[in-house]
N, C-alpha and C. Protein backbone atom coordinates (compact mmCIF):
# COMPACT_ATOMS: atom_id res chain seq x y z
N VAL A 1 162.31 48.68 90.38
CA VAL A 1 163.10 49.73 90.99
C VAL A 1 162.38 51.05 90.80
N GLY A 2 162.27 51.84 91.87
CA GLY A 2 161.65 53.15 91.79
C GLY A 2 162.61 54.22 92.28
N TYR A 3 162.44 55.42 91.75
CA TYR A 3 163.27 56.54 92.13
C TYR A 3 162.41 57.56 92.84
N VAL A 4 162.83 57.99 94.03
CA VAL A 4 162.07 58.91 94.87
C VAL A 4 162.70 60.30 94.80
N ASP A 5 161.84 61.30 94.67
CA ASP A 5 162.31 62.69 94.68
C ASP A 5 161.18 63.54 95.26
N ILE A 6 161.38 64.07 96.45
CA ILE A 6 160.35 64.91 97.06
C ILE A 6 160.97 66.21 97.53
N GLY A 7 160.13 67.20 97.71
CA GLY A 7 160.56 68.48 98.26
C GLY A 7 159.44 69.03 99.13
N ILE A 8 159.81 69.62 100.24
CA ILE A 8 158.84 70.20 101.17
C ILE A 8 159.17 71.69 101.29
N ARG A 9 158.18 72.53 101.07
CA ARG A 9 158.41 73.97 101.22
C ARG A 9 158.86 74.30 102.64
N GLN A 10 159.70 75.31 102.75
CA GLN A 10 160.32 75.71 104.01
C GLN A 10 159.31 75.80 105.16
N GLN A 11 158.17 76.44 104.93
CA GLN A 11 157.20 76.67 106.02
C GLN A 11 156.50 75.39 106.48
N TYR A 12 156.65 74.28 105.74
CA TYR A 12 155.99 73.03 106.11
C TYR A 12 156.98 71.96 106.59
N ARG A 13 158.23 72.34 106.77
CA ARG A 13 159.23 71.39 107.24
C ARG A 13 159.11 71.20 108.75
N ASN A 14 159.63 70.09 109.23
CA ASN A 14 159.64 69.74 110.66
C ASN A 14 158.25 69.54 111.23
N LEU A 15 157.31 69.13 110.39
CA LEU A 15 155.95 68.84 110.84
C LEU A 15 155.60 67.36 110.65
N GLY A 16 156.55 66.59 110.16
CA GLY A 16 156.31 65.17 109.92
C GLY A 16 155.75 64.85 108.55
N ILE A 17 155.60 65.88 107.72
CA ILE A 17 155.01 65.68 106.39
C ILE A 17 155.92 64.82 105.52
N GLY A 18 157.21 65.10 105.52
CA GLY A 18 158.15 64.32 104.71
C GLY A 18 158.17 62.86 105.11
N THR A 19 158.17 62.60 106.40
CA THR A 19 158.15 61.22 106.89
C THR A 19 156.86 60.52 106.44
N HIS A 20 155.74 61.22 106.55
CA HIS A 20 154.46 60.64 106.13
C HIS A 20 154.46 60.34 104.63
N ILE A 21 154.95 61.27 103.84
CA ILE A 21 155.01 61.07 102.39
C ILE A 21 155.88 59.86 102.06
N LEU A 22 157.04 59.78 102.67
CA LEU A 22 157.95 58.67 102.40
C LEU A 22 157.34 57.33 102.81
N ASN A 23 156.72 57.28 103.99
CA ASN A 23 156.09 56.03 104.41
C ASN A 23 154.98 55.61 103.46
N THR A 24 154.22 56.58 102.96
CA THR A 24 153.17 56.28 101.99
C THR A 24 153.77 55.77 100.68
N LEU A 25 154.83 56.42 100.22
CA LEU A 25 155.50 55.96 98.99
C LEU A 25 156.05 54.55 99.15
N ILE A 26 156.62 54.25 100.29
CA ILE A 26 157.18 52.92 100.55
C ILE A 26 156.06 51.88 100.53
N THR A 27 154.95 52.17 101.19
CA THR A 27 153.81 51.25 101.21
C THR A 27 153.29 51.00 99.80
N GLN A 28 153.11 52.06 99.03
CA GLN A 28 152.60 51.91 97.66
C GLN A 28 153.60 51.19 96.76
N ALA A 29 154.88 51.45 96.94
CA ALA A 29 155.90 50.77 96.15
C ALA A 29 155.87 49.27 96.40
N LYS A 30 155.69 48.88 97.65
CA LYS A 30 155.58 47.45 97.98
C LYS A 30 154.34 46.85 97.33
N LYS A 31 153.23 47.58 97.37
CA LYS A 31 151.97 47.08 96.80
C LYS A 31 152.10 46.79 95.31
N ILE A 32 152.87 47.60 94.60
CA ILE A 32 152.99 47.39 93.16
C ILE A 32 154.18 46.49 92.81
N GLY A 33 154.86 45.98 93.83
CA GLY A 33 155.89 44.98 93.60
C GLY A 33 157.31 45.50 93.39
N LEU A 34 157.56 46.76 93.71
CA LEU A 34 158.94 47.24 93.59
C LEU A 34 159.81 46.58 94.64
N LYS A 35 161.05 46.37 94.32
CA LYS A 35 161.98 45.72 95.24
C LYS A 35 163.03 46.68 95.80
N LEU A 36 163.18 47.84 95.17
CA LEU A 36 164.23 48.77 95.59
C LEU A 36 163.79 50.20 95.30
N LEU A 37 164.03 51.10 96.26
CA LEU A 37 163.82 52.53 96.04
C LEU A 37 165.16 53.23 96.13
N ILE A 38 165.35 54.21 95.26
CA ILE A 38 166.60 54.96 95.18
C ILE A 38 166.27 56.44 95.28
N LEU A 39 167.15 57.19 95.95
CA LEU A 39 167.02 58.64 95.98
C LEU A 39 168.40 59.24 96.09
N SER A 40 168.49 60.54 95.86
CA SER A 40 169.75 61.23 96.09
C SER A 40 169.48 62.51 96.86
N VAL A 41 170.49 62.92 97.60
CA VAL A 41 170.38 64.11 98.46
C VAL A 41 171.77 64.73 98.55
N PHE A 42 171.81 66.04 98.66
CA PHE A 42 173.10 66.70 98.81
C PHE A 42 173.60 66.53 100.24
N SER A 43 174.90 66.38 100.38
CA SER A 43 175.51 66.08 101.67
C SER A 43 175.24 67.17 102.71
N THR A 44 174.96 68.37 102.30
CA THR A 44 174.69 69.45 103.24
C THR A 44 173.26 69.45 103.78
N ASN A 45 172.40 68.63 103.20
CA ASN A 45 170.99 68.59 103.61
C ASN A 45 170.81 67.55 104.73
N GLU A 46 171.30 67.91 105.91
CA GLU A 46 171.31 66.98 107.04
C GLU A 46 169.91 66.59 107.49
N ARG A 47 168.97 67.51 107.44
CA ARG A 47 167.61 67.21 107.88
C ARG A 47 166.98 66.15 106.98
N ALA A 48 167.11 66.31 105.68
CA ALA A 48 166.55 65.32 104.75
C ALA A 48 167.23 63.97 104.94
N ARG A 49 168.54 63.97 105.10
CA ARG A 49 169.26 62.71 105.31
C ARG A 49 168.75 62.00 106.55
N TYR A 50 168.49 62.75 107.62
CA TYR A 50 167.96 62.17 108.86
C TYR A 50 166.61 61.50 108.60
N VAL A 51 165.72 62.18 107.87
CA VAL A 51 164.40 61.63 107.58
C VAL A 51 164.53 60.38 106.73
N TYR A 52 165.37 60.41 105.70
CA TYR A 52 165.55 59.25 104.83
C TYR A 52 166.07 58.05 105.63
N GLU A 53 167.04 58.28 106.49
CA GLU A 53 167.57 57.20 107.32
C GLU A 53 166.52 56.69 108.29
N LYS A 54 165.70 57.58 108.82
CA LYS A 54 164.66 57.19 109.77
C LYS A 54 163.67 56.20 109.16
N VAL A 55 163.39 56.34 107.86
CA VAL A 55 162.44 55.43 107.21
C VAL A 55 163.14 54.24 106.53
N GLY A 56 164.44 54.11 106.73
CA GLY A 56 165.13 52.91 106.28
C GLY A 56 166.06 53.01 105.09
N PHE A 57 166.30 54.20 104.57
CA PHE A 57 167.26 54.35 103.48
C PHE A 57 168.68 54.37 104.06
N HIS A 58 169.64 53.91 103.28
CA HIS A 58 171.03 54.00 103.70
C HIS A 58 171.90 54.42 102.50
N GLU A 59 173.00 55.06 102.82
CA GLU A 59 173.91 55.54 101.79
C GLU A 59 174.57 54.36 101.09
N CYS A 60 174.59 54.42 99.75
CA CYS A 60 175.27 53.37 98.99
C CYS A 60 176.34 53.94 98.05
N GLY A 61 176.42 55.26 97.95
CA GLY A 61 177.43 55.85 97.10
C GLY A 61 177.40 57.36 97.16
N ARG A 62 178.41 57.96 96.55
CA ARG A 62 178.56 59.41 96.53
C ARG A 62 179.11 59.87 95.19
N ILE A 63 178.66 61.03 94.78
CA ILE A 63 179.27 61.71 93.64
C ILE A 63 179.96 62.93 94.22
N PRO A 64 181.28 62.89 94.31
CA PRO A 64 182.01 64.01 94.93
C PRO A 64 181.85 65.31 94.14
N GLN A 65 181.73 66.39 94.86
CA GLN A 65 181.69 67.74 94.27
C GLN A 65 180.67 67.84 93.15
N ARG A 66 179.49 67.31 93.37
CA ARG A 66 178.44 67.25 92.34
C ARG A 66 177.89 68.61 91.97
N ILE A 67 177.88 69.55 92.94
CA ILE A 67 177.32 70.87 92.69
C ILE A 67 178.17 71.92 93.40
N PHE A 68 178.21 73.11 92.82
CA PHE A 68 178.91 74.23 93.44
C PHE A 68 177.85 75.21 93.92
N LYS A 69 177.73 75.38 95.23
CA LYS A 69 176.68 76.24 95.81
C LYS A 69 177.26 76.97 97.01
N ASN A 70 176.95 78.25 97.11
CA ASN A 70 177.44 79.07 98.23
C ASN A 70 178.95 78.97 98.40
N ASP A 71 179.65 79.08 97.28
CA ASP A 71 181.12 79.08 97.27
C ASP A 71 181.75 77.79 97.77
N GLN A 72 181.04 76.67 97.65
CA GLN A 72 181.63 75.38 98.03
C GLN A 72 181.10 74.27 97.13
N TYR A 73 181.92 73.25 96.97
CA TYR A 73 181.48 72.05 96.25
C TYR A 73 180.76 71.14 97.23
N ILE A 74 179.67 70.53 96.78
CA ILE A 74 178.86 69.68 97.64
C ILE A 74 178.71 68.31 96.99
N ASP A 75 178.90 67.27 97.80
CA ASP A 75 178.72 65.90 97.31
C ASP A 75 177.24 65.57 97.17
N GLU A 76 176.92 64.72 96.21
CA GLU A 76 175.59 64.15 96.11
C GLU A 76 175.65 62.73 96.67
N ILE A 77 174.76 62.42 97.60
CA ILE A 77 174.72 61.10 98.23
C ILE A 77 173.59 60.30 97.61
N VAL A 78 173.89 59.08 97.18
CA VAL A 78 172.88 58.16 96.66
C VAL A 78 172.49 57.23 97.80
N MET A 79 171.17 57.10 98.02
CA MET A 79 170.66 56.26 99.10
C MET A 79 169.67 55.26 98.53
N VAL A 80 169.59 54.08 99.17
CA VAL A 80 168.68 53.04 98.72
C VAL A 80 167.91 52.45 99.91
N LYS A 81 166.76 51.89 99.58
CA LYS A 81 165.98 51.12 100.55
C LYS A 81 165.48 49.88 99.84
N THR A 82 165.83 48.71 100.38
CA THR A 82 165.34 47.45 99.86
C THR A 82 163.96 47.21 100.45
N LEU A 83 163.02 46.83 99.58
CA LEU A 83 161.64 46.62 100.02
C LEU A 83 161.38 45.13 100.17
N THR A 84 161.10 44.74 101.40
CA THR A 84 160.76 43.36 101.69
C THR A 84 159.59 43.33 102.66
N GLY A 85 158.92 42.25 102.75
CA GLY A 85 157.81 42.12 103.69
C GLY A 85 156.51 42.62 103.11
N PRO A 86 155.45 42.55 103.93
CA PRO A 86 154.12 42.95 103.46
C PRO A 86 154.02 44.44 103.23
N ALA A 87 153.09 44.82 102.37
CA ALA A 87 152.86 46.24 102.06
C ALA A 87 152.21 46.95 103.22
């Protein structure tokens, strides 16, 4: 089992860098024999959630009101990707 945590600086977002990084991490995780990748994202981060879903992660749980930011409570979403098939 591996845990993924990435961040892309504002000026480099929407260029495909995050997708490329995630696909590389998935390939390498398969090569070393991992069977599951886990990550978490705040519910307000719609762009990141879109990218994670695009590469095959899906929501498996939530921590309600995990953080208080900008005068609101925000849920933390836990996402997983099962790794099967060739690297």
